[in-house]
Amino acid sequence: VFLVDFAGATNLLGLGPVGEGPELDRTGVDYAARGIRLPQRRLLLETWKVGIDTDKIEGLALLEDGQTLALISDNDFAITGSEGPTQLWLVRLPQSPRGLP
């Protein structure tokens, strides 16, 4: 789980639809050379390190205390029967991500 800060990033909305603007979703694009500033990101949580063993996390919320993350999985309505139950985890972060640089 990453905390992403878009404050200093370049707004790409004005570049036009795909195919009409610069193609930015390819490997090896030099964003700086195009004058594009990427958002800053900071790692908050590696889910596997706290025992969350799923690749189906579908929901995430920072709770009112500002330091607890709620994460919920998705079992796709148990269509095949092998998905297991929907799960909810509460993870207390070492510090609140609010106001982090």
PDB file of N, CA and C in Angstrom:
ATOM      1  N   VAL A   1       0.862  -1.161   0.000  1.00  0.00           N
ATOM      2  CA  VAL A   1       0.000   0.000   0.000  1.00  0.00           C
ATOM      3  C   VAL A   1       0.905   1.219   0.000  1.00  0.00           C
ATOM      4  N   PHE A   2       0.671   2.113  -0.941  1.00  0.00           N
ATOM      5  CA  PHE A   2       1.463   3.327  -1.060  1.00  0.00           C
ATOM      6  C   PHE A   2       0.619   4.553  -0.756  1.00  0.00           C
ATOM      7  N   LEU A   3       1.238   5.552  -0.156  1.00  0.00           N
ATOM      8  CA  LEU A   3       0.655   6.877  -0.010  1.00  0.00           C
ATOM      9  C   LEU A   3       1.183   7.685  -1.184  1.00  0.00           C
ATOM     10  N   VAL A   4       0.291   8.238  -1.986  1.00  0.00           N
ATOM     11  CA  VAL A   4       0.700   8.952  -3.192  1.00  0.00           C
ATOM     12  C   VAL A   4       0.316  10.419  -3.073  1.00  0.00           C
ATOM     13  N   ASP A   5       1.270  11.295  -3.353  1.00  0.00           N
ATOM     14  CA  ASP A   5       1.067  12.740  -3.292  1.00  0.00           C
ATOM     15  C   ASP A   5       1.098  13.298  -4.716  1.00  0.00           C
ATOM     16  N   PHE A   6      -0.045  13.766  -5.169  1.00  0.00           N
ATOM     17  CA  PHE A   6      -0.161  14.291  -6.528  1.00  0.00           C
ATOM     18  C   PHE A   6       0.055  15.804  -6.600  1.00  0.00           C
ATOM     19  N   ALA A   7       0.321  16.448  -5.467  1.00  0.00           N
ATOM     20  CA  ALA A   7       0.402  17.907  -5.424  1.00  0.00           C
ATOM     21  C   ALA A   7       1.418  18.474  -6.415  1.00  0.00           C
ATOM     22  N   GLY A   8       2.578  17.842  -6.560  1.00  0.00           N
ATOM     23  CA  GLY A   8       3.596  18.367  -7.458  1.00  0.00           C
ATOM     24  C   GLY A   8       3.620  17.715  -8.820  1.00  0.00           C
ATOM     25  N   ALA A   9       2.681  16.808  -9.069  1.00  0.00           N
ATOM     26  CA  ALA A   9       2.674  16.061 -10.339  1.00  0.00           C
ATOM     27  C   ALA A   9       2.039  16.886 -11.455  1.00  0.00           C
ATOM     28  N   THR A  10       2.409  16.569 -12.667  1.00  0.00           N
ATOM     29  CA  THR A  10       1.861  17.222 -13.844  1.00  0.00           C
ATOM     30  C   THR A  10       0.442  16.721 -14.106  1.00  0.00           C
ATOM     31  N   ASN A  11      -0.476  17.647 -14.364  1.00  0.00           N
ATOM     32  CA  ASN A  11      -1.843  17.291 -14.731  1.00  0.00           C
ATOM     33  C   ASN A  11      -1.842  16.870 -16.197  1.00  0.00           C
ATOM     34  N   LEU A  12      -2.187  15.614 -16.453  1.00  0.00           N
ATOM     35  CA  LEU A  12      -2.155  15.076 -17.815  1.00  0.00           C
ATOM     36  C   LEU A  12      -3.502  15.160 -18.528  1.00  0.00           C
ATOM     37  N   LEU A  13      -4.511  15.696 -17.869  1.00  0.00           N
ATOM     38  CA  LEU A  13      -5.848  15.706 -18.461  1.00  0.00           C
ATOM     39  C   LEU A  13      -5.932  16.517 -19.751  1.00  0.00           C
ATOM     40  N   GLY A  14      -5.106  17.512 -19.907  1.00  0.00           N
ATOM     41  CA  GLY A  14      -5.181  18.346 -21.099  1.00  0.00           C
ATOM     42  C   GLY A  14      -4.402  17.833 -22.290  1.00  0.00           C
ATOM     43  N   LEU A  15      -3.821  16.641 -22.188  1.00  0.00           N
ATOM     44  CA  LEU A  15      -2.982  16.135 -23.277  1.00  0.00           C
ATOM     45  C   LEU A  15      -3.776  15.488 -24.400  1.00  0.00           C
ATOM     46  N   GLY A  16      -5.073  15.323 -24.242  1.00  0.00           N
ATOM     47  CA  GLY A  16      -5.894  14.736 -25.297  1.00  0.00           C
ATOM     48  C   GLY A  16      -6.063  13.247 -25.133  1.00  0.00           C
ATOM     49  N   PRO A  17      -6.985  12.667 -25.910  1.00  0.00           N
ATOM     50  CA  PRO A  17      -7.255  11.229 -25.844  1.00  0.00           C
ATOM     51  C   PRO A  17      -6.056  10.402 -26.316  1.00  0.00           C
ATOM     52  N   VAL A  18      -6.058   9.129 -25.932  1.00  0.00           N
ATOM     53  CA  VAL A  18      -4.994   8.211 -26.349  1.00  0.00           C
ATOM     54  C   VAL A  18      -4.887   8.234 -27.867  1.00  0.00           C
ATOM     55  N   GLY A  19      -3.669   8.318 -28.350  1.00  0.00           N
ATOM     56  CA  GLY A  19      -3.436   8.351 -29.793  1.00  0.00           C
ATOM     57  C   GLY A  19      -3.328   9.762 -30.346  1.00  0.00           C
ATOM     58  N   GLU A  20      -3.856  10.743 -29.610  1.00  0.00           N
ATOM     59  CA  GLU A  20      -3.790  12.131 -30.067  1.00  0.00           C
ATOM     60  C   GLU A  20      -2.742  12.941 -29.312  1.00  0.00           C
ATOM     61  N   GLY A  21      -2.331  12.441 -28.149  1.00  0.00           N
ATOM     62  CA  GLY A  21      -1.314  13.103 -27.350  1.00  0.00           C
ATOM     63  C   GLY A  21      -0.085  12.228 -27.287  1.00  0.00           C
ATOM     64  N   PRO A  22       0.877  12.626 -26.486  1.00  0.00           N
ATOM     65  CA  PRO A  22       2.066  11.782 -26.349  1.00  0.00           C
ATOM     66  C   PRO A  22       1.715  10.450 -25.706  1.00  0.00           C
ATOM     67  N   GLU A  23       2.291   9.385 -26.203  1.00  0.00           N
ATOM     68  CA  GLU A  23       2.044   8.057 -25.633  1.00  0.00           C
ATOM     69  C   GLU A  23       2.937   7.896 -24.408  1.00  0.00           C
ATOM     70  N   LEU A  24       2.331   7.844 -23.245  1.00  0.00           N
ATOM     71  CA  LEU A  24       3.083   7.861 -21.998  1.00  0.00           C
ATOM     72  C   LEU A  24       3.088   6.530 -21.273  1.00  0.00           C
ATOM     73  N   ASP A  25       2.400   5.538 -21.793  1.00  0.00           N
ATOM     74  CA  ASP A  25       2.268   4.279 -21.073  1.00  0.00           C
ATOM     75  C   ASP A  25       3.203   3.195 -21.597  1.00  0.00           C
ATOM     76  N   ARG A  26       4.305   3.602 -22.179  1.00  0.00           N
ATOM     77  CA  ARG A  26       5.276   2.629 -22.692  1.00  0.00           C
ATOM     78  C   ARG A  26       6.504   2.599 -21.800  1.00  0.00           C
ATOM     79  N   THR A  27       7.185   1.481 -21.778  1.00  0.00           N
ATOM     80  CA  THR A  27       8.440   1.352 -21.059  1.00  0.00           C
ATOM     81  C   THR A  27       9.481   2.251 -21.704  1.00  0.00           C
ATOM     82  N   GLY A  28      10.284   2.892 -20.887  1.00  0.00           N
ATOM     83  CA  GLY A  28      11.381   3.695 -21.398  1.00  0.00           C
ATOM     84  C   GLY A  28      11.042   5.137 -21.712  1.00  0.00           C
ATOM     85  N   VAL A  29       9.823   5.583 -21.419  1.00  0.00           N
ATOM     86  CA  VAL A  29       9.472   6.978 -21.671  1.00  0.00           C
ATOM     87  C   VAL A  29      10.258   7.858 -20.693  1.00  0.00           C
ATOM     88  N   ASP A  30      10.914   8.884 -21.203  1.00  0.00           N
ATOM     89  CA  ASP A  30      11.650   9.835 -20.373  1.00  0.00           C
ATOM     90  C   ASP A  30      10.690  10.966 -20.014  1.00  0.00           C
ATOM     91  N   TYR A  31      10.022  10.812 -18.886  1.00  0.00           N
ATOM     92  CA  TYR A  31       9.007  11.794 -18.487  1.00  0.00           C
ATOM     93  C   TYR A  31       9.615  13.166 -18.240  1.00  0.00           C
ATOM     94  N   ALA A  32      10.789  13.216 -17.605  1.00  0.00           N
ATOM     95  CA  ALA A  32      11.426  14.500 -17.315  1.00  0.00           C
ATOM     96  C   ALA A  32      11.728  15.260 -18.600  1.00  0.00           C
ATOM     97  N   ALA A  33      12.161  14.549 -19.628  1.00  0.00           N
ATOM     98  CA  ALA A  33      12.462  15.201 -20.904  1.00  0.00           C
ATOM     99  C   ALA A  33      11.205  15.795 -21.534  1.00  0.00           C
ATOM    100  N   ARG A  34      10.047  15.254 -21.198  1.00  0.00           N
ATOM    101  CA  ARG A  34       8.779  15.773 -21.713  1.00  0.00           C
ATOM    102  C   ARG A  34       8.179  16.822 -20.785  1.00  0.00           C
ATOM    103  N   GLY A  35       8.906  17.143 -19.721  1.00  0.00           N
ATOM    104  CA  GLY A  35       8.419  18.145 -18.774  1.00  0.00           C
ATOM    105  C   GLY A  35       7.335  17.621 -17.844  1.00  0.00           C
ATOM    106  N   ILE A  36       7.286  16.317 -17.658  1.00  0.00           N
ATOM    107  CA  ILE A  36       6.256  15.699 -16.830  1.00  0.00           C
ATOM    108  C   ILE A  36       6.853  15.324 -15.477  1.00  0.00           C
ATOM    109  N   ARG A  37       6.239  15.842 -14.417  1.00  0.00           N
ATOM    110  CA  ARG A  37       6.636  15.507 -13.054  1.00  0.00           C
ATOM    111  C   ARG A  37       5.711  14.409 -12.542  1.00  0.00           C
ATOM    112  N   LEU A  38       6.284  13.297 -12.079  1.00  0.00           N
ATOM    113  CA  LEU A  38       5.508  12.177 -11.562  1.00  0.00           C
ATOM    114  C   LEU A  38       5.101  12.437 -10.115  1.00  0.00           C
ATOM    115  N   PRO A  39       4.019  11.811  -9.659  1.00  0.00           N
ATOM    116  CA  PRO A  39       3.637  11.959  -8.252  1.00  0.00           C
ATOM    117  C   PRO A  39       4.665  11.288  -7.357  1.00  0.00           C
ATOM    118  N   GLN A  40       4.767  11.766  -6.140  1.00  0.00           N
ATOM    119  CA  GLN A  40       5.658  11.164  -5.157  1.00  0.00           C
ATOM    120  C   GLN A  40       4.895  10.065  -4.437  1.00  0.00           C
ATOM    121  N   ARG A  41       5.573   8.971  -4.104  1.00  0.00           N
ATOM    122  CA  ARG A  41       4.908   7.895  -3.376  1.00  0.00           C
ATOM    123  C   ARG A  41       5.794   7.415  -2.241  1.00  0.00           C
ATOM    124  N   ARG A  42       5.108   6.889  -1.224  1.00  0.00           N
ATOM    125  CA  ARG A  42       5.796   6.393  -0.040  1.00  0.00           C
ATOM    126  C   ARG A  42       5.142   5.080   0.370  1.00  0.00           C
ATOM    127  N   LEU A  43       5.937   4.066   0.607  1.00  0.00           N
ATOM    128  CA  LEU A  43       5.421   2.770   1.027  1.00  0.00           C
ATOM    129  C   LEU A  43       4.888   2.865   2.447  1.00  0.00           C
ATOM    130  N   LEU A  44       3.618   2.490   2.632  1.00  0.00           N
ATOM    131  CA  LEU A  44       3.006   2.478   3.957  1.00  0.00           C
ATOM    132  C   LEU A  44       2.935   1.081   4.551  1.00  0.00           C
ATOM    133  N   LEU A  45       2.638   0.094   3.715  1.00  0.00           N
ATOM    134  CA  LEU A  45       2.367  -1.238   4.244  1.00  0.00           C
ATOM    135  C   LEU A  45       2.654  -2.295   3.190  1.00  0.00           C
ATOM    136  N   GLU A  46       3.398  -3.307   3.584  1.00  0.00           N
ATOM    137  CA  GLU A  46       3.556  -4.503   2.760  1.00  0.00           C
ATOM    138  C   GLU A  46       2.635  -5.549   3.377  1.00  0.00           C
ATOM    139  N   THR A  47       1.530  -5.824   2.710  1.00  0.00           N
ATOM    140  CA  THR A  47       0.471  -6.644   3.292  1.00  0.00           C
ATOM    141  C   THR A  47       0.960  -8.021   3.719  1.00  0.00           C
ATOM    142  N   TRP A  48       1.835  -8.620   2.950  1.00  0.00           N
ATOM    143  CA  TRP A  48       2.319  -9.963   3.289  1.00  0.00           C
ATOM    144  C   TRP A  48       3.073  -9.979   4.609  1.00  0.00           C
ATOM    145  N   LYS A  49       3.659  -8.855   5.008  1.00  0.00           N
ATOM    146  CA  LYS A  49       4.405  -8.803   6.261  1.00  0.00           C
ATOM    147  C   LYS A  49       3.502  -8.803   7.490  1.00  0.00           C
ATOM    148  N   VAL A  50       2.223  -8.494   7.299  1.00  0.00           N
ATOM    149  CA  VAL A  50       1.282  -8.498   8.423  1.00  0.00           C
ATOM    150  C   VAL A  50       0.281  -9.640   8.306  1.00  0.00           C
ATOM    151  N   GLY A  51       0.598 -10.635   7.461  1.00  0.00           N
ATOM    152  CA  GLY A  51      -0.221 -11.838   7.375  1.00  0.00           C
ATOM    153  C   GLY A  51      -1.422 -11.754   6.455  1.00  0.00           C
ATOM    154  N   ILE A  52      -1.494 -10.745   5.618  1.00  0.00           N
ATOM    155  CA  ILE A  52      -2.594 -10.647   4.657  1.00  0.00           C
ATOM    156  C   ILE A  52      -2.168 -11.396   3.407  1.00  0.00           C
ATOM    157  N   ASP A  53      -2.802 -12.544   3.190  1.00  0.00           N
ATOM    158  CA  ASP A  53      -2.405 -13.438   2.106  1.00  0.00           C
ATOM    159  C   ASP A  53      -3.504 -13.504   1.059  1.00  0.00           C
ATOM    160  N   THR A  54      -3.637 -12.436   0.293  1.00  0.00           N
ATOM    161  CA  THR A  54      -4.607 -12.404  -0.796  1.00  0.00           C
ATOM    162  C   THR A  54      -4.147 -11.399  -1.838  1.00  0.00           C
ATOM    163  N   ASP A  55      -4.539 -11.631  -3.073  1.00  0.00           N
ATOM    164  CA  ASP A  55      -4.263 -10.652  -4.126  1.00  0.00           C
ATOM    165  C   ASP A  55      -5.562  -9.976  -4.548  1.00  0.00           C
ATOM    166  N   LYS A  56      -6.593 -10.112  -3.736  1.00  0.00           N
ATOM    167  CA  LYS A  56      -7.919  -9.582  -4.075  1.00  0.00           C
ATOM    168  C   LYS A  56      -8.364  -8.471  -3.130  1.00  0.00           C
ATOM    169  N   ILE A  57      -7.446  -7.637  -2.656  1.00  0.00           N
ATOM    170  CA  ILE A  57      -7.865  -6.507  -1.829  1.00  0.00           C
ATOM    171  C   ILE A  57      -8.614  -5.531  -2.727  1.00  0.00           C
ATOM    172  N   GLU A  58      -9.847  -5.251  -2.358  1.00  0.00           N
ATOM    173  CA  GLU A  58     -10.719  -4.415  -3.187  1.00  0.00           C
ATOM    174  C   GLU A  58     -11.108  -3.105  -2.509  1.00  0.00           C
ATOM    175  N   GLY A  59     -10.884  -3.029  -1.210  1.00  0.00           N
ATOM    176  CA  GLY A  59     -11.267  -1.813  -0.503  1.00  0.00           C
ATOM    177  C   GLY A  59     -10.225  -1.429   0.521  1.00  0.00           C
ATOM    178  N   LEU A  60     -10.109  -0.120   0.744  1.00  0.00           N
ATOM    179  CA  LEU A  60      -9.105   0.402   1.655  1.00  0.00           C
ATOM    180  C   LEU A  60      -9.654   1.684   2.255  1.00  0.00           C
ATOM    181  N   ALA A  61      -9.511   1.840   3.575  1.00  0.00           N
ATOM    182  CA  ALA A  61      -9.957   3.073   4.233  1.00  0.00           C
ATOM    183  C   ALA A  61      -9.022   3.386   5.384  1.00  0.00           C
ATOM    184  N   LEU A  62      -8.732   4.657   5.559  1.00  0.00           N
ATOM    185  CA  LEU A  62      -8.012   5.124   6.727  1.00  0.00           C
ATOM    186  C   LEU A  62      -9.070   5.496   7.755  1.00  0.00           C
ATOM    187  N   LEU A  63      -9.043   4.840   8.908  1.00  0.00           N
ATOM    188  CA  LEU A  63     -10.079   5.050   9.910  1.00  0.00           C
ATOM    189  C   LEU A  63      -9.902   6.382  10.627  1.00  0.00           C
ATOM    190  N   GLU A  64     -10.898   6.725  11.423  1.00  0.00           N
ATOM    191  CA  GLU A  64     -10.976   8.033  12.055  1.00  0.00           C
ATOM    192  C   GLU A  64      -9.774   8.352  12.943  1.00  0.00           C
ATOM    193  N   ASP A  65      -9.146   7.336  13.520  1.00  0.00           N
ATOM    194  CA  ASP A  65      -7.984   7.596  14.373  1.00  0.00           C
ATOM    195  C   ASP A  65      -6.773   8.060  13.567  1.00  0.00           C
ATOM    196  N   GLY A  66      -6.847   7.953  12.236  1.00  0.00           N
ATOM    197  CA  GLY A  66      -5.775   8.420  11.369  1.00  0.00           C
ATOM    198  C   GLY A  66      -4.571   7.511  11.298  1.00  0.00           C
ATOM    199  N   GLN A  67      -4.628   6.377  11.990  1.00  0.00           N
ATOM    200  CA  GLN A  67      -3.467   5.491  12.032  1.00  0.00           C
ATOM    201  C   GLN A  67      -3.823   4.033  11.746  1.00  0.00           C
ATOM    202  N   THR A  68      -5.105   3.733  11.578  1.00  0.00           N
ATOM    203  CA  THR A  68      -5.531   2.364  11.321  1.00  0.00           C
ATOM    204  C   THR A  68      -6.088   2.257   9.911  1.00  0.00           C
ATOM    205  N   LEU A  69      -5.556   1.291   9.150  1.00  0.00           N
ATOM    206  CA  LEU A  69      -6.067   0.999   7.819  1.00  0.00           C
ATOM    207  C   LEU A  69      -7.028  -0.169   7.907  1.00  0.00           C
ATOM    208  N   ALA A  70      -8.157  -0.047   7.235  1.00  0.00           N
ATOM    209  CA  ALA A  70      -9.088  -1.165   7.071  1.00  0.00           C
ATOM    210  C   ALA A  70      -8.947  -1.623   5.625  1.00  0.00           C
ATOM    211  N   LEU A  71      -8.729  -2.919   5.432  1.00  0.00           N
ATOM    212  CA  LEU A  71      -8.601  -3.498   4.098  1.00  0.00           C
ATOM    213  C   LEU A  71      -9.614  -4.623   3.985  1.00  0.00           C
ATOM    214  N   ILE A  72     -10.260  -4.748   2.840  1.00  0.00           N
ATOM    215  CA  ILE A  72     -11.253  -5.806   2.647  1.00  0.00           C
ATOM    216  C   ILE A  72     -10.968  -6.524   1.336  1.00  0.00           C
ATOM    217  N   SER A  73     -11.151  -7.842   1.367  1.00  0.00           N
ATOM    218  CA  SER A  73     -10.936  -8.661   0.176  1.00  0.00           C
ATOM    219  C   SER A  73     -12.251  -8.835  -0.571  1.00  0.00           C
ATOM    220  N   ASP A  74     -12.161  -9.419  -1.733  1.00  0.00           N
ATOM    221  CA  ASP A  74     -13.333  -9.696  -2.562  1.00  0.00           C
ATOM    222  C   ASP A  74     -13.319 -11.174  -2.906  1.00  0.00           C
ATOM    223  N   ASN A  75     -14.432 -11.852  -2.688  1.00  0.00           N
ATOM    224  CA  ASN A  75     -14.482 -13.274  -3.032  1.00  0.00           C
ATOM    225  C   ASN A  75     -15.281 -13.524  -4.307  1.00  0.00           C
ATOM    226  N   ASP A  76     -15.565 -12.478  -5.071  1.00  0.00           N
ATOM    227  CA  ASP A  76     -16.284 -12.605  -6.353  1.00  0.00           C
ATOM    228  C   ASP A  76     -17.589 -13.378  -6.199  1.00  0.00           C
ATOM    229  N   PHE A  77     -18.284 -13.125  -5.096  1.00  0.00           N
ATOM    230  CA  PHE A  77     -19.573 -13.765  -4.809  1.00  0.00           C
ATOM    231  C   PHE A  77     -19.459 -15.281  -4.740  1.00  0.00           C
ATOM    232  N   ALA A  78     -18.248 -15.786  -4.514  1.00  0.00           N
ATOM    233  CA  ALA A  78     -18.004 -17.234  -4.398  1.00  0.00           C
ATOM    234  C   ALA A  78     -18.598 -18.003  -5.570  1.00  0.00           C
ATOM    235  N   ILE A  79     -18.393 -17.482  -6.768  1.00  0.00           N
ATOM    236  CA  ILE A  79     -18.975 -18.071  -7.974  1.00  0.00           C
ATOM    237  C   ILE A  79     -18.499 -19.497  -8.203  1.00  0.00           C
ATOM    238  N   THR A  80     -17.203 -19.749  -8.036  1.00  0.00           N
ATOM    239  CA  THR A  80     -16.701 -21.100  -8.282  1.00  0.00           C
ATOM    240  C   THR A  80     -16.697 -21.962  -7.026  1.00  0.00           C
ATOM    241  N   GLY A  81     -16.865 -21.335  -5.868  1.00  0.00           N
ATOM    242  CA  GLY A  81     -16.864 -22.086  -4.624  1.00  0.00           C
ATOM    243  C   GLY A  81     -15.496 -22.248  -4.001  1.00  0.00           C
ATOM    244  N   SER A  82     -14.440 -21.804  -4.657  1.00  0.00           N
ATOM    245  CA  SER A  82     -13.088 -21.966  -4.116  1.00  0.00           C
ATOM    246  C   SER A  82     -12.485 -20.650  -3.632  1.00  0.00           C
ATOM    247  N   GLU A  83     -13.264 -19.595  -3.641  1.00  0.00           N
ATOM    248  CA  GLU A  83     -12.737 -18.275  -3.326  1.00  0.00           C
ATOM    249  C   GLU A  83     -12.532 -18.018  -1.845  1.00  0.00           C
ATOM    250  N   GLY A  84     -13.230 -18.731  -0.983  1.00  0.00           N
ATOM    251  CA  GLY A  84     -13.155 -18.464   0.448  1.00  0.00           C
ATOM    252  C   GLY A  84     -14.022 -17.272   0.799  1.00  0.00           C
ATOM    253  N   PRO A  85     -14.072 -16.951   2.075  1.00  0.00           N
ATOM    254  CA  PRO A  85     -14.942 -15.846   2.503  1.00  0.00           C
ATOM    255  C   PRO A  85     -14.321 -14.484   2.210  1.00  0.00           C
ATOM    256  N   THR A  86     -15.166 -13.472   2.153  1.00  0.00           N
ATOM    257  CA  THR A  86     -14.679 -12.104   2.139  1.00  0.00           C
ATOM    258  C   THR A  86     -14.024 -11.862   3.485  1.00  0.00           C
ATOM    259  N   GLN A  87     -12.891 -11.152   3.480  1.00  0.00           N
ATOM    260  CA  GLN A  87     -12.159 -10.922   4.723  1.00  0.00           C
ATOM    261  C   GLN A  87     -11.940  -9.438   4.951  1.00  0.00           C
ATOM    262  N   LEU A  88     -11.888  -9.050   6.221  1.00  0.00           N
ATOM    263  CA  LEU A  88     -11.620  -7.678   6.633  1.00  0.00           C
ATOM    264  C   LEU A  88     -10.438  -7.699   7.588  1.00  0.00           C
ATOM    265  N   TRP A  89      -9.462  -6.826   7.350  1.00  0.00           N
ATOM    266  CA  TRP A  89      -8.306  -6.696   8.223  1.00  0.00           C
ATOM    267  C   TRP A  89      -8.213  -5.265   8.720  1.00  0.00           C
ATOM    268  N   LEU A  90      -7.811  -5.103   9.963  1.00  0.00           N
ATOM    269  CA  LEU A  90      -7.495  -3.797  10.532  1.00  0.00           C
ATOM    270  C   LEU A  90      -6.017  -3.805  10.877  1.00  0.00           C
ATOM    271  N   VAL A  91      -5.279  -2.850  10.336  1.00  0.00           N
ATOM    272  CA  VAL A  91      -3.831  -2.798  10.531  1.00  0.00           C
ATOM    273  C   VAL A  91      -3.475  -1.429  11.098  1.00  0.00           C
ATOM    274  N   ARG A  92      -2.848  -1.436  12.257  1.00  0.00           N
ATOM    275  CA  ARG A  92      -2.398  -0.174  12.865  1.00  0.00           C
ATOM    276  C   ARG A  92      -1.017   0.156  12.319  1.00  0.00           C
ATOM    277  N   LEU A  93      -0.905   1.319  11.712  1.00  0.00           N
ATOM    278  CA  LEU A  93       0.366   1.778  11.153  1.00  0.00           C
ATOM    279  C   LEU A  93       1.244   2.350  12.263  1.00  0.00           C
ATOM    280  N   PRO A  94       2.570   2.322  12.086  1.00  0.00           N
ATOM    281  CA  PRO A  94       3.463   2.868  13.107  1.00  0.00           C
ATOM    282  C   PRO A  94       3.232   4.362  13.355  1.00  0.00           C
ATOM    283  N   GLN A  95       2.792   5.083  12.325  1.00  0.00           N
ATOM    284  CA  GLN A  95       2.462   6.491  12.466  1.00  0.00           C
ATOM    285  C   GLN A  95       1.376   6.840  11.473  1.00  0.00           C
ATOM    286  N   SER A  96       0.696   7.938  11.730  1.00  0.00           N
ATOM    287  CA  SER A  96      -0.372   8.355  10.837  1.00  0.00           C
ATOM    288  C   SER A  96       0.206   8.846   9.519  1.00  0.00           C
ATOM    289  N   PRO A  97      -0.383   8.450   8.388  1.00  0.00           N
ATOM    290  CA  PRO A  97       0.099   8.958   7.107  1.00  0.00           C
ATOM    291  C   PRO A  97      -0.319  10.401   6.847  1.00  0.00           C
ATOM    292  N   ARG A  98      -1.218  10.934   7.646  1.00  0.00           N
ATOM    293  CA  ARG A  98      -1.641  12.331   7.466  1.00  0.00           C
ATOM    294  C   ARG A  98      -0.475  13.261   7.773  1.00  0.00           C
ATOM    295  N   GLY A  99      -0.183  14.115   6.834  1.00  0.00           N
ATOM    296  CA  GLY A  99       0.884  15.079   7.025  1.00  0.00           C
ATOM    297  C   GLY A  99       2.279  14.549   6.742  1.00  0.00           C
ATOM    298  N   LEU A 100       2.397  13.311   6.263  1.00  0.00           N
ATOM    299  CA  LEU A 100       3.726  12.803   5.918  1.00  0.00           C
ATOM    300  C   LEU A 100       4.251  13.511   4.691  1.00  0.00           C
ATOM    301  N   PRO A 101       5.548  13.694   4.641  1.00  0.00           N
ATOM    302  CA  PRO A 101       6.127  14.332   3.438  1.00  0.00           C
ATOM    303  C   PRO A 101       6.056  13.404   2.237  1.00  0.00           C
TER     304      PRO A 101
END
